[in-house]
Amino acid sequence: MASGEIDVAYVAKLARLALTPAEVERFGAQLGALLVHVDELAKLPVDDVAATAQVIPQSNVMRDDIVRPSLDRETVLVGAPRREGSYFRVPRIIGEDA
């Protein structure tokens, strides 16, 4: 894809971006360099590369769940702005003031 195919000023207008002529020229040059690079990448032989290949091996790190004592409910609820019984009271998303 040639860089001349993209009108940077038109795309900026569609995106409602106010670009100066200097910015249009600079971003056009950057976009052109990016598209040249993409064209070079498209020429690489990747037929033998699996679609999910990773450069670095990945693995999940798992740990055992350990039961630990937590804070007392009353201690925690003392700091709540509002409470209802032994629960935090939060405003409804619609129709209730905080």
Protein backbone atom coordinates (compact mmCIF):
# COMPACT_ATOMS: atom_id res chain seq x y z
CA MET A 1 0.00 0.00 0.00
CA ALA A 2 1.47 3.32 -1.01
CA SER A 3 1.45 6.16 1.49
CA GLY A 4 -0.05 8.48 -1.14
CA GLU A 5 -3.33 6.55 -0.95
CA ILE A 6 -4.25 8.02 2.44
CA ASP A 7 -5.31 11.66 2.72
CA VAL A 8 -4.20 12.57 6.25
CA ALA A 9 -6.10 15.87 6.27
CA TYR A 10 -9.32 14.09 5.23
CA VAL A 11 -8.92 11.39 7.88
CA ALA A 12 -8.21 14.07 10.50
CA LYS A 13 -11.39 15.87 9.45
CA LEU A 14 -13.40 12.66 9.80
CA ALA A 15 -11.92 12.16 13.27
CA ARG A 16 -12.68 15.80 14.11
CA LEU A 17 -9.02 16.55 14.70
CA ALA A 18 -7.76 20.03 13.97
CA LEU A 19 -4.31 19.53 12.47
CA THR A 20 -2.01 22.26 11.30
CA PRO A 21 -0.44 21.89 7.84
CA ALA A 22 2.85 21.04 9.55
CA GLU A 23 1.17 18.26 11.54
CA VAL A 24 -0.51 16.89 8.40
CA GLU A 25 2.88 16.75 6.70
CA ARG A 26 4.62 15.18 9.71
CA PHE A 27 1.89 12.58 10.34
CA GLY A 28 1.73 11.81 6.61
CA ALA A 29 5.46 11.09 6.60
CA GLN A 30 5.16 8.94 9.73
CA LEU A 31 2.22 7.04 8.26
CA GLY A 32 4.13 6.52 5.03
CA ALA A 33 7.11 5.08 6.93
CA LEU A 34 4.77 2.82 8.90
CA LEU A 35 3.10 1.53 5.73
CA VAL A 36 6.50 0.84 4.12
CA HIS A 37 7.43 -1.17 7.21
CA VAL A 38 4.15 -3.11 7.06
CA ASP A 39 4.80 -3.87 3.39
CA GLU A 40 8.23 -5.24 4.35
CA LEU A 41 6.68 -7.41 7.08
CA ALA A 42 4.12 -8.75 4.60
CA LYS A 43 7.00 -10.14 2.49
CA LEU A 44 8.31 -12.35 5.31
CA PRO A 45 7.80 -16.12 4.92
CA VAL A 46 5.41 -17.00 7.75
CA ASP A 47 3.63 -20.00 6.25
CA ASP A 48 5.30 -22.39 8.73
CA VAL A 49 4.56 -20.22 11.78
CA ALA A 50 1.57 -21.33 13.83
CA ALA A 51 -1.05 -18.66 14.38
CA THR A 52 -0.69 -18.88 18.17
CA ALA A 53 3.12 -19.02 18.30
CA GLN A 54 4.68 -17.03 21.14
CA VAL A 55 8.22 -15.74 21.33
CA ILE A 56 8.44 -16.35 25.06
CA PRO A 57 6.93 -19.40 26.77
CA GLN A 58 3.96 -18.53 28.93
CA SER A 59 2.61 -20.32 31.98
CA ASN A 60 0.16 -19.56 34.73
CA VAL A 61 1.54 -19.03 38.19
CA MET A 62 -0.64 -20.82 40.70
CA ARG A 63 -0.50 -20.77 44.45
CA ASP A 64 -2.41 -22.65 47.11
CA ASP A 65 -5.32 -20.88 48.74
CA ILE A 66 -4.51 -20.30 52.38
CA VAL A 67 -7.27 -19.49 54.81
CA ARG A 68 -6.30 -16.45 56.85
CA PRO A 69 -8.22 -14.48 59.45
CA SER A 70 -9.96 -11.40 58.08
CA LEU A 71 -11.08 -8.16 59.70
CA ASP A 72 -13.99 -8.21 62.08
CA ARG A 73 -17.27 -7.24 60.34
CA GLU A 74 -18.15 -4.52 62.86
CA THR A 75 -14.68 -3.00 62.60
CA VAL A 76 -15.06 -2.73 58.83
CA LEU A 77 -18.63 -1.42 58.92
CA VAL A 78 -17.68 1.39 61.31
CA GLY A 79 -15.99 3.13 58.38
CA ALA A 80 -18.92 2.66 55.99
CA PRO A 81 -20.72 5.85 54.91
CA ARG A 82 -24.04 3.97 55.08
CA ARG A 83 -24.93 0.54 56.30
CA GLU A 84 -28.00 -1.63 56.45
CA GLY A 85 -27.78 -4.20 59.20
CA SER A 86 -24.53 -6.06 58.73
CA TYR A 87 -24.06 -4.92 55.11
CA PHE A 88 -22.71 -1.92 53.24
CA ARG A 89 -25.54 0.20 51.81
CA VAL A 90 -24.80 1.55 48.34
CA PRO A 91 -27.00 3.79 46.18
CA ARG A 92 -28.91 2.30 43.30
CA ILE A 93 -27.52 3.19 39.94
CA ILE A 94 -30.76 4.83 38.82
CA GLY A 95 -33.37 6.53 40.92
CA GLU A 96 -31.79 6.99 44.33
CA ASP A 97 -29.64 9.77 45.77
CA ALA A 98 -26.44 8.93 47.54
